Amino acid sequence: MPFFFVDPEVYRKYRDRVVEMAQSIQVNYPEHMPAEKRRPGFSDEEIAEKLGLDARTVSEIRCVAEREMYDVDEWEKAVEFKDRQCRGYADRGLSFTTKKYFDAKKAESKTVRKIVKSDRAEN
């Protein structure tokens, strides 16, 4: 793999703008926001074109900046989570990932049925 270097001055100059344009932190994409008001982030190529940089430089700036946002503990937690998920998927397939959602939905349905049954008994 070849070595790639971004001048620290270039990094400092464009870091905040690249992170904002890429929406590394998605502040304007909440689910309750109407679709016509959502603004998805730009690709590295689009950012490069708008800022007059090459796409590889933008990718490097974005990746380094995103890594700076979290401390090492967060990255270790993410690695451990991914490892657990991969091992669970390898052992039990897709149900490992989706089972908790189905179980929660079942529990919710049981609770609703109990409430409805109780209401009918009272009437």
C-alpha atoms as a PDB file:
ATOM      1  CA  MET A   1       0.000   0.000   0.000  1.00  0.00           C
ATOM      2  CA  PRO A   2       1.511   3.349  -0.970  1.00  0.00           C
ATOM      3  CA  PHE A   3       2.088   6.050   1.606  1.00  0.00           C
ATOM      4  CA  PHE A   4      -0.069   9.171   1.328  1.00  0.00           C
ATOM      5  CA  PHE A   5       0.691  12.463   3.055  1.00  0.00           C
ATOM      6  CA  VAL A   6      -1.501  15.515   3.622  1.00  0.00           C
ATOM      7  CA  ASP A   7       0.305  18.695   4.574  1.00  0.00           C
ATOM      8  CA  PRO A   8      -0.705  19.631   8.145  1.00  0.00           C
ATOM      9  CA  GLU A   9      -1.564  23.155   6.992  1.00  0.00           C
ATOM     10  CA  VAL A  10      -3.924  21.778   4.343  1.00  0.00           C
ATOM     11  CA  TYR A  11      -5.444  19.476   6.958  1.00  0.00           C
ATOM     12  CA  ARG A  12      -6.016  22.325   9.446  1.00  0.00           C
ATOM     13  CA  LYS A  13      -7.382  24.612   6.749  1.00  0.00           C
ATOM     14  CA  TYR A  14      -9.965  22.143   5.365  1.00  0.00           C
ATOM     15  CA  ARG A  15     -10.722  19.769   8.258  1.00  0.00           C
ATOM     16  CA  ASP A  16     -13.853  21.451   9.624  1.00  0.00           C
ATOM     17  CA  ARG A  17     -15.287  22.144   6.182  1.00  0.00           C
ATOM     18  CA  VAL A  18     -14.725  18.544   5.000  1.00  0.00           C
ATOM     19  CA  VAL A  19     -16.331  17.112   8.159  1.00  0.00           C
ATOM     20  CA  GLU A  20     -19.296  19.462   7.756  1.00  0.00           C
ATOM     21  CA  MET A  21     -19.792  18.726   4.061  1.00  0.00           C
ATOM     22  CA  ALA A  22     -19.424  14.957   4.527  1.00  0.00           C
ATOM     23  CA  GLN A  23     -21.817  15.132   7.463  1.00  0.00           C
ATOM     24  CA  SER A  24     -19.563  12.955   9.554  1.00  0.00           C
ATOM     25  CA  ILE A  25     -21.839  14.063  12.366  1.00  0.00           C
ATOM     26  CA  GLN A  26     -25.336  13.882  10.931  1.00  0.00           C
ATOM     27  CA  VAL A  27     -27.038  16.758  12.668  1.00  0.00           C
ATOM     28  CA  ASN A  28     -29.661  17.473  10.028  1.00  0.00           C
ATOM     29  CA  TYR A  29     -30.843  14.003   9.158  1.00  0.00           C
ATOM     30  CA  PRO A  30     -33.208  13.084  12.008  1.00  0.00           C
ATOM     31  CA  GLU A  31     -35.990  10.718  11.047  1.00  0.00           C
ATOM     32  CA  HIS A  32     -38.700  13.200  12.018  1.00  0.00           C
ATOM     33  CA  MET A  33     -37.411  15.801   9.579  1.00  0.00           C
ATOM     34  CA  PRO A  34     -39.387  15.918   6.322  1.00  0.00           C
ATOM     35  CA  ALA A  35     -37.514  14.312   3.424  1.00  0.00           C
ATOM     36  CA  GLU A  36     -37.507  17.530   1.391  1.00  0.00           C
ATOM     37  CA  LYS A  37     -35.572  19.305   4.168  1.00  0.00           C
ATOM     38  CA  ARG A  38     -32.932  16.602   4.632  1.00  0.00           C
ATOM     39  CA  ARG A  39     -29.527  17.264   3.133  1.00  0.00           C
ATOM     40  CA  PRO A  40     -27.379  14.161   2.734  1.00  0.00           C
ATOM     41  CA  GLY A  41     -23.639  14.690   2.909  1.00  0.00           C
ATOM     42  CA  PHE A  42     -21.461  15.059  -0.151  1.00  0.00           C
ATOM     43  CA  SER A  43     -19.165  12.321  -1.427  1.00  0.00           C
ATOM     44  CA  ASP A  44     -15.408  12.810  -1.176  1.00  0.00           C
ATOM     45  CA  GLU A  45     -15.338  13.493  -4.916  1.00  0.00           C
ATOM     46  CA  GLU A  46     -18.035  16.182  -4.630  1.00  0.00           C
ATOM     47  CA  ILE A  47     -16.259  17.811  -1.691  1.00  0.00           C
ATOM     48  CA  ALA A  48     -12.964  17.747  -3.586  1.00  0.00           C
ATOM     49  CA  GLU A  49     -14.550  19.466  -6.553  1.00  0.00           C
ATOM     50  CA  LYS A  50     -16.160  22.164  -4.405  1.00  0.00           C
ATOM     51  CA  LEU A  51     -12.984  22.861  -2.404  1.00  0.00           C
ATOM     52  CA  GLY A  52     -10.530  22.561  -5.275  1.00  0.00           C
ATOM     53  CA  LEU A  53      -8.737  19.537  -3.799  1.00  0.00           C
ATOM     54  CA  ASP A  54      -8.219  16.027  -5.120  1.00  0.00           C
ATOM     55  CA  ALA A  55     -10.502  13.277  -3.840  1.00  0.00           C
ATOM     56  CA  ARG A  56      -7.679  11.332  -2.156  1.00  0.00           C
ATOM     57  CA  THR A  57      -6.760  14.388  -0.066  1.00  0.00           C
ATOM     58  CA  VAL A  58     -10.388  14.869   0.974  1.00  0.00           C
ATOM     59  CA  SER A  59     -10.683  11.171   1.892  1.00  0.00           C
ATOM     60  CA  GLU A  60      -7.566  11.377   4.025  1.00  0.00           C
ATOM     61  CA  ILE A  61      -8.719  14.570   5.759  1.00  0.00           C
ATOM     62  CA  ARG A  62     -12.157  13.078   6.441  1.00  0.00           C
ATOM     63  CA  CYS A  63     -10.837   9.761   7.768  1.00  0.00           C
ATOM     64  CA  VAL A  64      -8.285  11.363  10.076  1.00  0.00           C
ATOM     65  CA  ALA A  65     -10.796  13.949  11.309  1.00  0.00           C
ATOM     66  CA  GLU A  66     -13.399  11.265  12.043  1.00  0.00           C
ATOM     67  CA  ARG A  67     -10.838   9.290  14.029  1.00  0.00           C
ATOM     68  CA  GLU A  68      -9.982  12.381  16.047  1.00  0.00           C
ATOM     69  CA  MET A  69     -13.608  12.732  17.163  1.00  0.00           C
ATOM     70  CA  TYR A  70     -13.451   9.677  19.415  1.00  0.00           C
ATOM     71  CA  ASP A  71     -10.923   8.532  21.968  1.00  0.00           C
ATOM     72  CA  VAL A  72      -9.282   5.124  21.868  1.00  0.00           C
ATOM     73  CA  ASP A  73     -11.791   3.623  24.315  1.00  0.00           C
ATOM     74  CA  GLU A  74     -14.641   4.306  21.889  1.00  0.00           C
ATOM     75  CA  TRP A  75     -12.768   2.659  19.038  1.00  0.00           C
ATOM     76  CA  GLU A  76     -12.029  -0.376  21.227  1.00  0.00           C
ATOM     77  CA  LYS A  77     -15.708  -0.648  22.193  1.00  0.00           C
ATOM     78  CA  ALA A  78     -16.651  -0.512  18.513  1.00  0.00           C
ATOM     79  CA  VAL A  79     -14.155  -3.241  17.636  1.00  0.00           C
ATOM     80  CA  GLU A  80     -15.453  -5.438  20.474  1.00  0.00           C
ATOM     81  CA  PHE A  81     -19.056  -4.856  19.389  1.00  0.00           C
ATOM     82  CA  LYS A  82     -18.258  -5.755  15.774  1.00  0.00           C
ATOM     83  CA  ASP A  83     -16.381  -8.838  16.907  1.00  0.00           C
ATOM     84  CA  ARG A  84     -19.358 -10.010  19.031  1.00  0.00           C
ATOM     85  CA  GLN A  85     -21.765  -9.384  16.168  1.00  0.00           C
ATOM     86  CA  CYS A  86     -19.609 -11.231  13.624  1.00  0.00           C
ATOM     87  CA  ARG A  87     -19.098 -14.211  15.926  1.00  0.00           C
ATOM     88  CA  GLY A  88     -22.810 -14.326  16.761  1.00  0.00           C
ATOM     89  CA  TYR A  89     -23.733 -14.165  13.098  1.00  0.00           C
ATOM     90  CA  ALA A  90     -21.211 -16.913  12.277  1.00  0.00           C
ATOM     91  CA  ASP A  91     -22.634 -19.128  15.052  1.00  0.00           C
ATOM     92  CA  ARG A  92     -26.370 -18.471  14.670  1.00  0.00           C
ATOM     93  CA  GLY A  93     -26.859 -16.635  11.391  1.00  0.00           C
ATOM     94  CA  LEU A  94     -29.120 -13.657  10.878  1.00  0.00           C
ATOM     95  CA  SER A  95     -31.337 -14.570  13.819  1.00  0.00           C
ATOM     96  CA  PHE A  96     -28.516 -13.545  16.151  1.00  0.00           C
ATOM     97  CA  THR A  97     -28.888  -9.972  14.974  1.00  0.00           C
ATOM     98  CA  THR A  98     -32.663  -9.815  14.548  1.00  0.00           C
ATOM     99  CA  LYS A  99     -33.837 -12.066  17.417  1.00  0.00           C
ATOM    100  CA  LYS A 100     -33.755  -9.296  20.025  1.00  0.00           C
ATOM    101  CA  TYR A 101     -36.048  -7.150  17.863  1.00  0.00           C
ATOM    102  CA  PHE A 102     -38.512  -9.981  17.305  1.00  0.00           C
ATOM    103  CA  ASP A 103     -38.460 -10.841  21.016  1.00  0.00           C
ATOM    104  CA  ALA A 104     -39.149  -7.206  21.941  1.00  0.00           C
ATOM    105  CA  LYS A 105     -42.026  -7.039  19.450  1.00  0.00           C
ATOM    106  CA  LYS A 106     -43.486 -10.300  20.839  1.00  0.00           C
ATOM    107  CA  ALA A 107     -43.276  -8.981  24.407  1.00  0.00           C
ATOM    108  CA  GLU A 108     -44.954  -5.751  23.329  1.00  0.00           C
ATOM    109  CA  SER A 109     -47.757  -7.695  21.609  1.00  0.00           C
ATOM    110  CA  LYS A 110     -48.321  -9.843  24.713  1.00  0.00           C
ATOM    111  CA  THR A 111     -48.574  -6.739  26.873  1.00  0.00           C
ATOM    112  CA  VAL A 112     -51.107  -5.171  24.504  1.00  0.00           C
ATOM    113  CA  ARG A 113     -53.161  -8.384  24.420  1.00  0.00           C
ATOM    114  CA  LYS A 114     -53.200  -8.497  28.250  1.00  0.00           C
ATOM    115  CA  ILE A 115     -54.384  -4.892  28.430  1.00  0.00           C
ATOM    116  CA  VAL A 116     -57.122  -5.491  25.851  1.00  0.00           C
ATOM    117  CA  LYS A 117     -58.197  -8.705  27.644  1.00  0.00           C
ATOM    118  CA  SER A 118     -58.292  -6.856  30.958  1.00  0.00           C
ATOM    119  CA  ASP A 119     -60.336  -4.000  29.473  1.00  0.00           C
ATOM    120  CA  ARG A 120     -62.837  -6.479  28.002  1.00  0.00           C
ATOM    121  CA  ALA A 121     -63.154  -8.294  31.335  1.00  0.00           C
ATOM    122  CA  GLU A 122     -63.924  -5.035  33.117  1.00  0.00           C
ATOM    123  CA  ASN A 123     -66.667  -4.140  30.642  1.00  0.00           C
END
